[in-house]
Amino acid sequence: GIVIETLFLEHRALLKRLPEVHVKSESSLEDIRKMEAGVRGEDRFLQKLHELRMSGPYKVYSDIRLHLGEWKVQIDCLVLTDRCCIVIESKNMSGNLYFESDSEEFYKVNQDGEEIPYPNPYYQLLRHIRFMKEFLHQINPEIKVTGSVFMTAKSCRIRKKPAKYPIFKLESIIEKVMQMYHNSPPLQLSESQLVEIEQMIMSKQSTFTYAPLCERYQISPTELRTGVACPGCGVLGMKRVATTW
């Protein structure tokens, strides 16, 4: 999405202006690698959705940011149909993934056997479904809202998860979306209601703000290398001479 691309460029710009040896360089580089992987996963995710075909009218919205008052959400994808609204979350996580039934913890086991905990995407999905139910209530309180989480990394292996968790690998996305559609009651939203919902989605887009990168990484602005960067060689320190740099 546009926000990820912007953050990617900002991280690149920060890294360029750090001294050659800096304690925060590796942290910034690691975040850049994660963003690059995330963009690749998002591309695979959206490419797969191009295969979606339904008998009734439907609309696909990707990377939307909505708000109800102070309640703001970022949803990876919405599939709005004449029967239901389907919330889709994508996670680009590789390796062996585990979901504990008792503690409901979610973690990844790396190559060294270390368990790395992460927020459980199942609860993020439930929050977004709850948001969309409230969001759509004023249009039609009978609209069914459902959804699933899809893991987009090719090397992802879901080793264990509770049966109730609608979390799947990307290869199954079209079939799962079709199942959610056909398992919904034939509500048959009218064309005017679908247009009204689309207009509301467009009008309720919210702008997310992110903390400055220096604040995030606890870097003093005085540590940064200053100057205008040459667009040709990238070296900092161009000077203005008359009307040119």
Protein backbone atom coordinates (compact mmCIF):
# COMPACT_ATOMS: atom_id res chain seq x y z
CA GLY A 1 0.00 0.00 0.00
CA ILE A 2 0.96 3.67 -0.26
CA VAL A 3 1.67 3.92 3.48
CA ILE A 4 4.12 0.99 3.42
CA GLU A 5 5.88 2.43 0.37
CA THR A 6 6.19 5.81 2.10
CA LEU A 7 7.59 4.24 5.28
CA PHE A 8 10.03 2.22 3.16
CA LEU A 9 11.36 5.39 1.51
CA GLU A 10 11.60 7.17 4.87
CA HIS A 11 13.61 4.29 6.36
CA ARG A 12 15.95 4.33 3.35
CA ALA A 13 16.42 8.08 3.76
CA LEU A 14 17.15 7.69 7.49
CA LEU A 15 19.68 4.92 6.89
CA LYS A 16 21.47 7.06 4.32
CA ARG A 17 21.88 9.91 6.80
CA LEU A 18 23.14 7.84 9.72
CA PRO A 19 26.90 7.69 10.31
CA GLU A 20 28.58 4.67 8.69
CA VAL A 21 28.79 2.97 12.09
CA HIS A 22 25.69 3.56 14.23
CA VAL A 23 24.02 1.45 16.90
CA LYS A 24 20.58 1.84 15.26
CA SER A 25 21.63 0.97 11.69
CA GLU A 26 20.90 -2.74 12.05
CA SER A 27 17.44 -2.10 13.55
CA SER A 28 16.52 0.13 10.62
CA LEU A 29 17.91 -2.38 8.12
CA GLU A 30 15.89 -5.19 9.70
CA ASP A 31 12.71 -3.11 9.47
CA ILE A 32 13.46 -2.40 5.79
CA ARG A 33 13.83 -6.15 5.13
CA LYS A 34 10.50 -6.79 6.84
CA MET A 35 8.77 -4.10 4.79
CA GLU A 36 10.22 -5.48 1.56
CA ALA A 37 8.93 -8.94 2.48
CA GLY A 38 5.56 -7.43 3.40
CA VAL A 39 5.26 -5.69 0.03
CA ARG A 40 6.04 -8.96 -1.78
CA GLY A 41 3.41 -10.76 0.31
CA GLU A 42 0.83 -8.05 -0.39
CA ASP A 43 1.51 -8.30 -4.13
CA ARG A 44 0.96 -12.08 -4.04
CA PHE A 45 -2.20 -11.58 -1.97
CA LEU A 46 -3.76 -9.03 -4.36
CA GLN A 47 -2.70 -11.01 -7.43
CA LYS A 48 -4.50 -14.06 -6.07
CA LEU A 49 -7.70 -12.06 -5.50
CA HIS A 50 -7.80 -11.23 -9.22
CA GLU A 51 -9.02 -14.81 -9.69
CA LEU A 52 -12.16 -14.13 -7.62
CA ARG A 53 -15.44 -14.56 -9.52
CA MET A 54 -18.94 -14.40 -8.00
CA SER A 55 -22.41 -14.79 -9.43
CA GLY A 56 -23.71 -11.65 -7.70
CA PRO A 57 -22.32 -8.11 -7.50
CA TYR A 58 -19.22 -7.60 -5.35
CA LYS A 59 -16.47 -5.08 -4.72
CA VAL A 60 -12.92 -5.55 -3.41
CA TYR A 61 -11.25 -2.81 -1.32
CA SER A 62 -7.59 -3.15 -0.33
CA ASP A 63 -5.63 -1.38 2.41
CA ILE A 64 -8.43 0.78 3.80
CA ARG A 65 -8.33 2.91 6.94
CA LEU A 66 -11.73 3.59 8.50
CA HIS A 67 -12.92 5.36 11.61
CA LEU A 68 -15.97 5.58 13.83
CA GLY A 69 -15.27 8.59 16.00
CA GLU A 70 -11.99 7.85 17.78
CA TRP A 71 -12.09 4.15 16.83
CA LYS A 72 -9.68 3.74 13.88
CA VAL A 73 -8.78 0.54 12.04
CA GLN A 74 -6.56 -0.47 9.14
CA ILE A 75 -8.02 -3.44 7.23
CA ASP A 76 -5.96 -5.25 4.61
CA CYS A 77 -8.91 -6.15 2.41
CA LEU A 78 -12.72 -6.04 2.32
CA VAL A 79 -14.87 -8.04 -0.08
CA LEU A 80 -18.33 -6.48 -0.13
CA THR A 81 -21.02 -8.67 -1.72
CA ASP A 82 -24.80 -8.68 -2.00
CA ARG A 83 -24.88 -11.30 0.78
CA CYS A 84 -22.15 -10.35 3.24
CA CYS A 85 -19.06 -8.34 4.02
CA ILE A 86 -15.84 -10.38 4.20
CA VAL A 87 -12.88 -9.06 6.18
CA ILE A 88 -9.53 -10.43 5.01
CA GLU A 89 -6.28 -10.00 6.93
CA SER A 90 -2.93 -10.93 5.39
CA LYS A 91 0.21 -11.80 7.35
CA ASN A 92 3.59 -12.24 5.72
CA MET A 93 5.23 -14.60 8.21
CA SER A 94 7.57 -17.41 7.21
CA GLY A 95 8.70 -20.49 9.10
CA ASN A 96 6.86 -22.69 11.58
CA LEU A 97 3.86 -21.01 13.21
CA TYR A 98 2.04 -22.25 16.31
CA PHE A 99 -1.26 -21.29 17.95
CA GLU A 100 -1.74 -22.60 21.50
CA SER A 101 -5.28 -23.78 22.29
CA ASP A 102 -5.13 -23.19 26.07
CA SER A 103 -3.20 -19.93 26.36
CA GLU A 104 -4.23 -18.74 22.86
CA GLU A 105 -0.68 -17.50 22.36
CA PHE A 106 0.76 -17.23 18.87
CA TYR A 107 4.46 -17.73 18.23
CA LYS A 108 7.05 -18.65 15.64
CA VAL A 109 9.88 -21.14 16.14
CA ASN A 110 13.03 -20.04 14.33
CA GLN A 111 15.87 -22.17 13.01
CA ASP A 112 17.59 -22.14 16.41
CA GLY A 113 14.47 -23.52 18.10
CA GLU A 114 13.73 -20.18 19.79
CA GLU A 115 10.06 -19.33 20.35
CA ILE A 116 9.26 -15.76 19.22
CA PRO A 117 5.85 -14.47 20.38
CA TYR A 118 3.59 -12.28 18.22
CA PRO A 119 0.12 -10.75 18.64
CA ASN A 120 -2.53 -13.35 17.80
CA PRO A 121 -3.98 -12.39 14.36
CA TYR A 122 -7.24 -14.16 15.23
CA TYR A 123 -8.11 -11.41 17.70
CA GLN A 124 -7.16 -8.67 15.25
CA LEU A 125 -9.60 -10.28 12.81
CA LEU A 126 -12.37 -10.39 15.46
CA ARG A 127 -11.84 -6.69 16.28
CA HIS A 128 -12.11 -5.74 12.62
CA ILE A 129 -15.24 -7.87 12.14
CA ARG A 130 -16.78 -6.19 15.18
CA PHE A 131 -15.86 -2.78 13.76
CA MET A 132 -17.44 -3.52 10.38
CA LYS A 133 -20.65 -4.79 12.00
CA GLU A 134 -21.02 -1.46 13.77
CA PHE A 135 -19.86 0.45 10.69
CA LEU A 136 -22.51 -1.17 8.43
CA HIS A 137 -25.31 -1.26 11.01
CA GLN A 138 -26.77 2.07 9.89
CA ILE A 139 -27.09 0.82 6.29
CA ASN A 140 -28.55 -2.58 7.07
CA PRO A 141 -28.26 -4.25 10.52
CA GLU A 142 -28.81 -7.67 8.93
CA ILE A 143 -25.61 -7.63 6.89
CA LYS A 144 -23.48 -10.61 7.88
CA VAL A 145 -19.82 -9.77 8.53
CA THR A 146 -17.32 -12.63 8.47
CA GLY A 147 -13.66 -13.06 7.61
CA SER A 148 -10.38 -14.97 7.62
CA VAL A 149 -6.63 -14.51 8.01
CA PHE A 150 -4.29 -15.65 5.24
CA MET A 151 -0.57 -16.28 5.58
CA THR A 152 1.12 -14.98 2.42
CA ALA A 153 4.73 -16.19 2.85
CA LYS A 154 5.56 -19.10 0.57
CA SER A 155 7.65 -20.82 3.25
CA CYS A 156 4.99 -20.51 5.96
CA ARG A 157 3.91 -23.71 7.74
CA ILE A 158 0.99 -23.61 10.16
CA ARG A 159 2.01 -26.36 12.53
CA LYS A 160 -0.83 -26.11 15.03
CA LYS A 161 -4.00 -24.04 15.49
CA PRO A 162 -7.45 -24.43 17.08
CA ALA A 163 -10.18 -25.57 14.68
CA LYS A 164 -12.17 -22.39 15.35
CA TYR A 165 -9.39 -20.16 13.98
CA PRO A 166 -10.14 -19.18 10.35
CA ILE A 167 -6.44 -18.91 9.49
CA PHE A 168 -5.20 -20.42 6.24
CA LYS A 169 -2.40 -20.35 3.69
CA LEU A 170 -2.75 -18.01 0.72
CA GLU A 171 -3.28 -20.78 -1.83
CA SER A 172 -6.78 -21.42 -0.43
CA ILE A 173 -8.03 -17.81 -0.46
CA ILE A 174 -10.42 -18.02 -3.43
CA GLU A 175 -12.10 -21.21 -2.20
CA LYS A 176 -12.39 -19.87 1.37
CA VAL A 177 -13.90 -16.56 0.21
CA MET A 178 -16.41 -18.45 -1.94
CA GLN A 179 -17.30 -20.67 1.03
CA MET A 180 -17.92 -17.62 3.25
CA TYR A 181 -20.11 -16.14 0.52
CA HIS A 182 -22.21 -19.28 0.01
CA ASN A 183 -22.51 -19.88 3.78
CA SER A 184 -24.12 -16.45 4.20
CA PRO A 185 -27.91 -16.01 4.01
CA PRO A 186 -29.20 -14.69 0.67
CA LEU A 187 -29.70 -11.15 1.96
CA GLN A 188 -29.47 -9.65 -1.54
CA LEU A 189 -28.42 -6.08 -0.86
CA SER A 190 -29.79 -3.73 -3.48
CA GLU A 191 -27.54 -1.91 -5.93
CA SER A 192 -28.39 1.38 -4.20
CA GLN A 193 -27.38 -0.04 -0.80
CA LEU A 194 -24.06 -1.29 -2.22
CA VAL A 195 -23.41 2.16 -3.70
CA GLU A 196 -24.34 3.76 -0.37
CA ILE A 197 -21.89 1.49 1.47
CA GLU A 198 -19.14 2.29 -1.04
CA GLN A 199 -19.72 6.02 -0.59
CA MET A 200 -19.58 5.62 3.18
CA ILE A 201 -16.32 3.64 2.97
CA MET A 202 -14.80 6.39 0.82
CA SER A 203 -16.02 9.19 3.08
CA LYS A 204 -14.89 7.53 6.32
CA GLN A 205 -11.26 7.02 5.25
CA SER A 206 -8.95 8.16 8.03
CA THR A 207 -5.37 9.40 7.89
CA PHE A 208 -2.97 7.51 10.13
CA THR A 209 -0.04 9.38 11.58
CA TYR A 210 3.23 7.76 12.56
CA ALA A 211 5.85 8.94 15.00
CA PRO A 212 8.99 10.43 13.40
CA LEU A 213 11.64 7.77 12.79
CA CYS A 214 14.19 9.56 14.98
CA GLU A 215 11.70 9.34 17.84
CA ARG A 216 10.94 5.69 17.10
CA TYR A 217 14.61 4.66 17.10
CA GLN A 218 15.60 7.16 19.81
CA ILE A 219 18.08 8.91 17.52
CA SER A 220 19.01 12.53 18.16
CA PRO A 221 18.59 14.68 15.01
CA THR A 222 22.08 16.04 15.71
CA GLU A 223 23.49 12.58 14.90
CA LEU A 224 22.21 12.70 11.32
CA ARG A 225 24.34 13.70 8.38
CA THR A 226 22.81 16.79 6.82
CA GLY A 227 22.87 18.33 3.37
CA VAL A 228 21.14 17.97 0.02
CA ALA A 229 21.69 14.59 -1.65
CA CYS A 230 22.98 14.43 -5.21
CA PRO A 231 20.36 12.65 -7.39
CA GLY A 232 23.16 11.18 -9.49
CA CYS A 233 25.66 9.70 -7.04
CA GLY A 234 23.75 10.07 -3.77
CA VAL A 235 26.54 11.93 -1.95
CA LEU A 236 25.33 14.46 0.63
CA GLY A 237 26.44 18.08 0.61
CA MET A 238 25.39 19.69 -2.68
CA LYS A 239 25.66 23.48 -2.74
CA ARG A 240 23.47 26.03 -4.46
CA VAL A 241 25.38 28.03 -7.08
CA ALA A 242 23.30 30.69 -8.81
CA THR A 243 20.25 28.77 -10.10
CA THR A 244 21.67 25.25 -9.98
CA TRP A 245 22.92 22.72 -7.44
